[in-house]
């Protein structure tokens, strides 16, 4: 009797989800950027802001919407390591932010250290359970931004 071999489609499904997510971000990010720059920002700006970073090699400015948490003069962000925008912040970098319709300038720092990620995630997602924290730790980057001034 032949042995039955079961194949899993998990890598294929993950790739398809990843492609779908990238497609959705290409479509949704311009809309979110538009809204955050408009008087309609109040709909999203309680949890989303725009961050502008300068490319380390190109010198170009890149603006992307991100979820954030603002506490005093510090902004906390958790992002997926597979994105590329945050890599321009490695080693510390100046950033421009649009938060709730106001412009800010700050100094960003990144970390892939699990304890730092957990600490930043506690600020960003205070209701997250330990199990959710553990699941989130894979390929995640913590970003903290010290605000310098606002205009």
Protein backbone atom coordinates (compact mmCIF):
# COMPACT_ATOMS: atom_id res chain seq x y z
CA UNK A 1 0.00 0.00 0.00
CA UNK A 2 1.37 3.39 -1.01
CA UNK A 3 2.07 5.91 1.69
CA UNK A 4 -0.01 9.05 1.40
CA UNK A 5 2.00 12.25 1.36
CA UNK A 6 0.35 15.41 2.59
CA UNK A 7 1.61 18.71 1.24
CA UNK A 8 1.03 21.99 2.93
CA UNK A 9 0.40 25.18 1.05
CA UNK A 10 1.53 27.38 3.94
CA UNK A 11 4.49 29.03 2.13
CA UNK A 12 2.30 29.63 -0.93
CA UNK A 13 -0.52 31.05 1.21
CA UNK A 14 1.92 33.28 3.09
CA UNK A 15 3.34 34.56 -0.23
CA UNK A 16 -0.16 35.21 -1.55
CA UNK A 17 -1.10 37.08 1.65
CA UNK A 18 2.11 39.08 1.39
CA UNK A 19 1.39 40.03 -2.23
CA UNK A 20 -2.18 40.96 -1.35
CA UNK A 21 -0.98 43.08 1.58
CA UNK A 22 1.58 44.89 -0.61
CA UNK A 23 -1.11 45.56 -3.21
CA UNK A 24 -3.49 46.90 -0.57
CA UNK A 25 -0.79 49.19 0.83
CA UNK A 26 -0.04 50.55 -2.66
CA UNK A 27 -3.72 51.39 -3.06
CA UNK A 28 -4.53 52.54 0.48
CA UNK A 29 -1.39 54.48 1.45
CA UNK A 30 -1.99 57.34 -1.04
CA UNK A 31 -5.57 57.66 0.23
CA UNK A 32 -4.45 57.69 3.86
CA UNK A 33 -1.72 60.26 3.06
CA UNK A 34 -4.30 62.48 1.37
CA UNK A 35 -6.68 62.23 4.32
CA UNK A 36 -3.97 62.93 6.91
CA UNK A 37 -2.97 66.10 5.01
CA UNK A 38 -6.56 67.31 4.69
CA UNK A 39 -9.14 68.70 7.14
CA UNK A 40 -10.47 65.12 7.22
CA UNK A 41 -7.36 64.08 9.17
CA UNK A 42 -9.44 63.98 12.37
CA UNK A 43 -10.93 60.69 11.16
CA UNK A 44 -7.55 58.92 11.20
CA UNK A 45 -5.03 61.12 13.00
CA UNK A 46 -5.77 59.78 16.46
CA UNK A 47 -3.88 56.61 15.56
CA UNK A 48 -2.17 57.33 12.20
CA UNK A 49 0.45 59.93 11.33
CA UNK A 50 2.78 60.67 8.43
CA UNK A 51 6.50 60.14 8.86
CA UNK A 52 8.97 61.58 6.36
CA UNK A 53 12.44 60.05 6.24
CA UNK A 54 15.43 60.83 4.04
CA UNK A 55 16.95 58.01 2.03
CA UNK A 56 20.47 57.23 3.25
CA UNK A 57 21.78 56.57 -0.25
CA UNK A 58 19.43 58.53 -2.51
CA UNK A 59 18.81 61.59 -0.34
CA UNK A 60 15.16 61.45 -1.46
CA UNK A 61 12.35 62.11 0.99
CA UNK A 62 9.91 59.26 1.63
CA UNK A 63 6.60 59.81 3.40
CA UNK A 64 4.53 56.94 4.71
CA UNK A 65 1.52 56.64 7.02
CA UNK A 66 2.12 54.65 10.20
CA UNK A 67 0.26 53.80 13.39
CA UNK A 68 1.72 55.59 16.39
CA UNK A 69 1.37 56.43 20.04
CA UNK A 70 2.34 59.89 21.30
CA UNK A 71 3.24 60.24 24.98
CA UNK A 72 4.71 63.53 26.17
CA UNK A 73 7.58 64.28 23.75
CA UNK A 74 8.05 60.72 22.50
CA UNK A 75 6.43 58.94 19.58
CA UNK A 76 6.30 55.13 19.60
CA UNK A 77 5.96 53.03 16.43
CA UNK A 78 5.98 49.28 15.81
CA UNK A 79 6.52 48.22 12.22
CA UNK A 80 7.11 45.04 10.23
CA UNK A 81 10.77 44.40 9.49
CA UNK A 82 9.93 43.49 5.89
CA UNK A 83 9.12 47.12 5.10
CA UNK A 84 12.06 49.15 3.83
CA UNK A 85 11.27 52.71 4.91
CA UNK A 86 12.47 52.23 8.50
CA UNK A 87 15.94 51.11 7.37
CA UNK A 88 16.74 54.76 6.66
CA UNK A 89 16.45 55.35 10.41
CA UNK A 90 19.08 52.81 11.51
CA UNK A 91 21.76 54.40 13.63
CA UNK A 92 19.45 57.33 14.38
CA UNK A 93 18.08 59.86 11.93
CA UNK A 94 16.10 63.09 11.82
CA UNK A 95 12.45 62.75 10.79
CA UNK A 96 9.54 65.03 10.03
CA UNK A 97 6.10 64.06 11.31
CA UNK A 98 2.56 65.18 10.66
CA UNK A 99 0.55 64.38 13.79
CA UNK A 100 -3.06 65.50 14.15
CA UNK A 101 -2.56 68.20 11.54
CA UNK A 102 0.62 69.63 13.14
CA UNK A 103 4.21 69.39 11.90
CA UNK A 104 6.91 68.06 14.20
CA UNK A 105 10.60 67.35 13.86
CA UNK A 106 12.33 64.62 15.82
CA UNK A 107 15.21 62.22 16.15
CA UNK A 108 14.36 58.57 15.48
CA UNK A 109 16.00 55.44 16.86
CA UNK A 110 15.28 51.85 15.84
CA UNK A 111 15.64 48.56 17.66
CA UNK A 112 15.13 44.88 16.90
CA UNK A 113 15.87 43.91 20.50
CA UNK A 114 12.95 41.86 21.86
CA UNK A 115 12.82 43.70 25.21
CA UNK A 116 12.77 47.09 23.48
CA UNK A 117 10.08 45.89 21.07
CA UNK A 118 7.97 44.67 23.98
CA UNK A 119 8.39 47.99 25.82
CA UNK A 120 7.46 50.06 22.75
CA UNK A 121 4.57 47.71 21.97
CA UNK A 122 3.22 48.23 25.51
CA UNK A 123 3.00 51.95 24.76
CA UNK A 124 1.58 51.46 21.29
CA UNK A 125 -0.82 48.60 22.03
CA UNK A 126 -1.56 48.70 25.79
CA UNK A 127 -4.33 46.08 25.62
CA UNK A 128 -2.18 43.47 23.88
CA UNK A 129 -1.85 40.14 25.71
CA UNK A 130 1.44 38.34 26.39
CA UNK A 131 0.52 35.74 23.74
CA UNK A 132 -0.01 38.52 21.19
CA UNK A 133 3.31 40.12 22.16
CA UNK A 134 5.09 36.80 21.68
CA UNK A 135 3.54 36.29 18.24
CA UNK A 136 4.41 39.84 17.21
CA UNK A 137 8.11 39.58 18.10
CA UNK A 138 9.12 37.88 14.84
CA UNK A 139 10.51 40.31 12.25
CA UNK A 140 9.35 43.41 14.11
CA UNK A 141 11.08 46.76 14.57
CA UNK A 142 10.52 49.25 17.38
CA UNK A 143 10.95 52.93 16.60
CA UNK A 144 11.09 55.71 19.15
CA UNK A 145 11.16 59.35 18.15
CA UNK A 146 12.19 62.13 20.51
CA UNK A 147 10.33 65.26 19.41
CA UNK A 148 12.41 68.42 19.16
CA UNK A 149 9.82 71.08 18.41
CA UNK A 150 6.58 71.63 16.56
CA UNK A 151 5.23 74.32 14.28
